[in-house]
Protein backbone atom coordinates (compact mmCIF):
# COMPACT_ATOMS: atom_id res chain seq x y z
CA UNK A 1 -129.17 -150.79 -60.58
CA UNK A 2 -131.44 -147.82 -59.60
CA UNK A 3 -133.70 -148.36 -62.30
CA UNK A 4 -134.26 -152.08 -61.21
CA UNK A 5 -134.38 -151.02 -57.67
CA UNK A 6 -137.21 -148.59 -58.35
CA UNK A 7 -139.16 -151.35 -60.00
CA UNK A 8 -139.04 -153.20 -57.07
CA UNK A 9 -140.17 -150.21 -54.93
CA UNK A 10 -143.12 -149.73 -57.11
CA UNK A 11 -143.90 -153.63 -56.80
CA UNK A 12 -144.08 -153.19 -53.13
CA UNK A 13 -145.47 -149.57 -52.95
CA UNK A 14 -149.12 -150.61 -53.23
CA UNK A 15 -149.91 -151.49 -49.76
CA UNK A 16 -147.30 -149.57 -47.88
CA UNK A 17 -147.85 -146.23 -49.74
CA UNK A 18 -150.55 -146.05 -52.35
CA UNK A 19 -153.13 -147.67 -50.10
CA UNK A 20 -152.01 -145.82 -46.90
CA UNK A 21 -154.64 -143.38 -46.14
CA UNK A 22 -151.65 -141.61 -44.16
CA UNK A 23 -149.89 -140.56 -47.14
CA UNK A 24 -151.50 -137.92 -49.41
CA UNK A 25 -152.02 -139.39 -52.76
CA UNK A 26 -150.11 -136.48 -54.50
CA UNK A 27 -146.90 -137.77 -52.59
CA UNK A 28 -147.11 -141.61 -53.34
CA UNK A 29 -144.81 -141.23 -56.28
CA UNK A 30 -142.53 -138.90 -54.18
CA UNK A 31 -142.36 -141.20 -51.03
CA UNK A 32 -141.58 -144.27 -53.34
CA UNK A 33 -138.63 -142.44 -55.23
CA UNK A 34 -137.30 -141.39 -51.76
CA UNK A 35 -137.45 -145.07 -50.75
CA UNK A 36 -135.54 -146.44 -53.54
CA UNK A 37 -133.04 -143.56 -53.15
CA UNK A 38 -132.60 -144.19 -49.39
CA UNK A 39 -132.19 -147.86 -49.91
CA UNK A 40 -129.43 -147.35 -52.59
CA UNK A 41 -127.71 -144.58 -50.69
CA UNK A 42 -128.32 -146.60 -47.56
CA UNK A 43 -126.35 -149.42 -48.93
CA UNK A 44 -123.58 -147.12 -50.27
CA UNK A 45 -123.21 -145.76 -46.65
CA UNK A 46 -123.19 -149.16 -45.27
CA UNK A 47 -120.31 -150.05 -47.37
CA UNK A 48 -118.27 -146.80 -46.94
CA UNK A 49 -118.45 -147.27 -43.15
CA UNK A 50 -116.88 -150.86 -43.42
CA UNK A 51 -119.93 -152.91 -43.62
CA UNK A 52 -119.09 -154.86 -46.72
CA UNK A 53 -119.43 -158.18 -44.75
CA UNK A 54 -122.59 -157.21 -43.72
CA UNK A 55 -123.93 -156.73 -47.19
CA UNK A 56 -122.01 -159.96 -48.21
CA UNK A 57 -123.99 -161.67 -45.46
CA UNK A 58 -127.10 -160.27 -46.59
CA UNK A 59 -126.71 -161.76 -50.02
CA UNK A 60 -125.64 -165.09 -48.43
CA UNK A 61 -129.01 -165.32 -46.25
CA UNK A 62 -131.94 -167.32 -47.03
CA UNK A 63 -134.66 -164.59 -45.47
CA UNK A 64 -134.25 -161.19 -44.47
CA UNK A 65 -136.31 -159.67 -41.75
CA UNK A 66 -136.75 -156.73 -39.45
CA UNK A 67 -133.91 -158.18 -37.30
CA UNK A 68 -131.16 -158.09 -39.91
CA UNK A 69 -128.99 -155.13 -39.29
CA UNK A 70 -128.96 -153.87 -42.94
CA UNK A 71 -132.69 -153.77 -42.89
CA UNK A 72 -132.49 -151.91 -39.48
CA UNK A 73 -130.24 -149.47 -40.68
CA UNK A 74 -132.05 -149.15 -44.00
CA UNK A 75 -135.22 -148.76 -42.08
CA UNK A 76 -134.06 -146.03 -39.82
CA UNK A 77 -132.67 -143.92 -42.75
CA UNK A 78 -135.79 -144.17 -44.98
CA UNK A 79 -137.97 -143.47 -41.95
CA UNK A 80 -136.07 -140.19 -41.16
CA UNK A 81 -136.13 -139.31 -44.73
CA UNK A 82 -139.81 -139.65 -45.00
CA UNK A 83 -140.62 -137.78 -42.06
CA UNK A 84 -138.15 -135.00 -42.74
CA UNK A 85 -139.02 -134.59 -46.51
CA UNK A 86 -142.59 -135.25 -46.30
CA UNK A 87 -143.76 -134.54 -42.93
CA UNK A 88 -145.02 -137.91 -42.28
CA UNK A 89 -145.57 -138.90 -38.74
CA UNK A 90 -142.82 -140.99 -37.04
CA UNK A 91 -145.29 -144.12 -37.22
CA UNK A 92 -146.28 -143.62 -40.65
CA UNK A 93 -142.64 -143.55 -41.83
CA UNK A 94 -141.71 -146.30 -39.83
CA UNK A 95 -144.47 -148.68 -40.84
CA UNK A 96 -143.71 -147.74 -44.60
CA UNK A 97 -139.97 -148.38 -44.03
CA UNK A 98 -140.75 -151.58 -42.12
CA UNK A 99 -142.92 -153.02 -44.66
CA UNK A 100 -141.30 -152.14 -47.63
CA UNK A 101 -137.56 -152.56 -46.76
CA UNK A 102 -137.55 -156.24 -45.97
CA UNK A 103 -139.87 -157.11 -49.04
CA UNK A 104 -137.55 -155.30 -51.65
CA UNK A 105 -134.19 -156.84 -49.95
CA UNK A 106 -135.63 -160.25 -50.16
CA UNK A 107 -136.78 -159.79 -53.63
CA UNK A 108 -133.21 -158.18 -54.61
CA UNK A 109 -131.47 -160.83 -53.14
CA UNK A 110 -133.64 -163.39 -54.56
CA UNK A 111 -133.40 -162.16 -57.92
CA UNK A 112 -129.51 -161.95 -57.45
CA UNK A 113 -129.14 -165.36 -56.21
CA UNK A 114 -131.58 -166.77 -59.34
CA UNK A 115 -129.37 -167.89 -62.10
CA UNK A 116 -132.32 -167.79 -64.53
CA UNK A 117 -133.10 -164.00 -63.63
CA UNK A 118 -130.75 -161.58 -65.32
CA UNK A 119 -132.40 -158.65 -63.95
CA UNK A 120 -129.80 -158.34 -60.93
CA UNK A 121 -126.50 -159.49 -60.91
CA UNK A 122 -124.60 -159.60 -57.58
CA UNK A 123 -121.34 -158.31 -58.95
CA UNK A 124 -123.51 -155.23 -60.77
CA UNK A 125 -125.20 -154.52 -57.31
CA UNK A 126 -121.75 -154.77 -55.42
CA UNK A 127 -120.11 -152.43 -58.19
CA UNK A 128 -123.27 -149.86 -57.93
CA UNK A 129 -123.08 -149.30 -54.28
CA UNK A 130 -119.39 -149.19 -54.05
CA UNK A 131 -118.84 -147.10 -56.98
CA UNK A 132 -116.67 -149.53 -58.77
CA UNK A 133 -114.14 -149.03 -56.14
CA UNK A 134 -111.57 -151.32 -54.32
CA UNK A 135 -114.46 -152.04 -51.67
CA UNK A 136 -116.10 -154.14 -54.43
CA UNK A 137 -113.09 -156.63 -54.41
CA UNK A 138 -113.19 -156.55 -50.60
CA UNK A 139 -116.98 -157.61 -50.58
CA UNK A 140 -116.64 -160.08 -53.30
CA UNK A 141 -113.88 -161.43 -51.33
CA UNK A 142 -115.98 -161.84 -48.25
CA UNK A 143 -118.56 -163.45 -50.50
CA UNK A 144 -115.86 -165.90 -51.61
CA UNK A 145 -114.83 -166.63 -47.91
CA UNK A 146 -118.31 -167.62 -47.28
CA UNK A 147 -118.27 -169.45 -50.46
CA UNK A 148 -115.21 -171.63 -48.88
CA UNK A 149 -117.68 -172.27 -46.25
CA UNK A 150 -120.22 -173.46 -48.44
CA UNK A 151 -117.95 -175.86 -50.30
CA UNK A 152 -117.17 -173.86 -53.28
CA UNK A 153 -113.59 -174.58 -53.63
CA UNK A 154 -113.88 -177.00 -56.47
CA UNK A 155 -110.01 -177.42 -57.04
CA UNK A 156 -109.15 -177.46 -53.40
CA UNK A 157 -106.41 -174.96 -53.58
CA UNK A 158 -107.83 -172.98 -50.65
CA UNK A 159 -109.85 -169.99 -52.31
CA UNK A 160 -112.69 -169.61 -53.99
CA UNK A 161 -111.97 -167.75 -57.64
CA UNK A 162 -112.14 -167.78 -61.27
CA UNK A 163 -110.24 -171.16 -61.26
CA UNK A 164 -112.96 -172.97 -59.39
CA UNK A 165 -115.67 -171.71 -61.90
CA UNK A 166 -113.77 -173.09 -64.81
CA UNK A 167 -113.88 -176.46 -63.02
CA UNK A 168 -117.38 -176.24 -62.44
CA UNK A 169 -118.07 -175.08 -66.09
CA UNK A 170 -116.50 -178.40 -67.11
CA UNK A 171 -118.85 -180.42 -65.08
CA UNK A 172 -122.67 -180.68 -64.84
CA UNK A 173 -124.46 -177.55 -63.99
CA UNK A 174 -121.87 -175.18 -65.63
CA UNK A 175 -121.41 -171.64 -64.53
CA UNK A 176 -124.90 -171.28 -63.48
CA UNK A 177 -124.74 -174.25 -60.96
CA UNK A 178 -121.47 -172.51 -59.37
CA UNK A 179 -123.22 -169.17 -58.92
CA UNK A 180 -126.38 -171.05 -57.75
CA UNK A 181 -124.31 -172.55 -55.23
CA UNK A 182 -122.43 -169.85 -54.07
CA UNK A 183 -125.69 -168.24 -52.91
CA UNK A 184 -127.61 -171.20 -51.33
CA UNK A 185 -126.59 -172.65 -48.17
CA UNK A 186 -125.98 -176.42 -47.73
């Protein structure tokens, strides 16, 4: 997952980092690497501090902006790291974080929700940030809870699970339709 995250950072780092005169050119690559590492470690920290529901809500949302609590936490962490490690001013660090974090997370979530894009899978992201721990199942349970709210309980047994996937795979849309419904609001 870190490789894919690094690609997103490179994709969105042009304006925020490379074209930013406040960041010396020789630090561009290091700043972008730090951005990817900070996002990944920040997501891990959120989960380790019991923020699994915040992470699940992130993947159930349609648009991620600076008011999102996950964006705020990741932006603060990245801004602090950039100032500390590279001596960037707080304004420069805040601007880099404020520009890149929402764009990267929006792209990450969009890719994870898109059944035609296999570059990010929600379960792989969850497993990566939780270290394949029992927290992963807790987050997936939270996503399942949200799935109940969006009418994904296909067999009316009171939970969203593999049995619902099997019902959907036998109907139109298949598994991709089920996963697509899971991440789209009605």
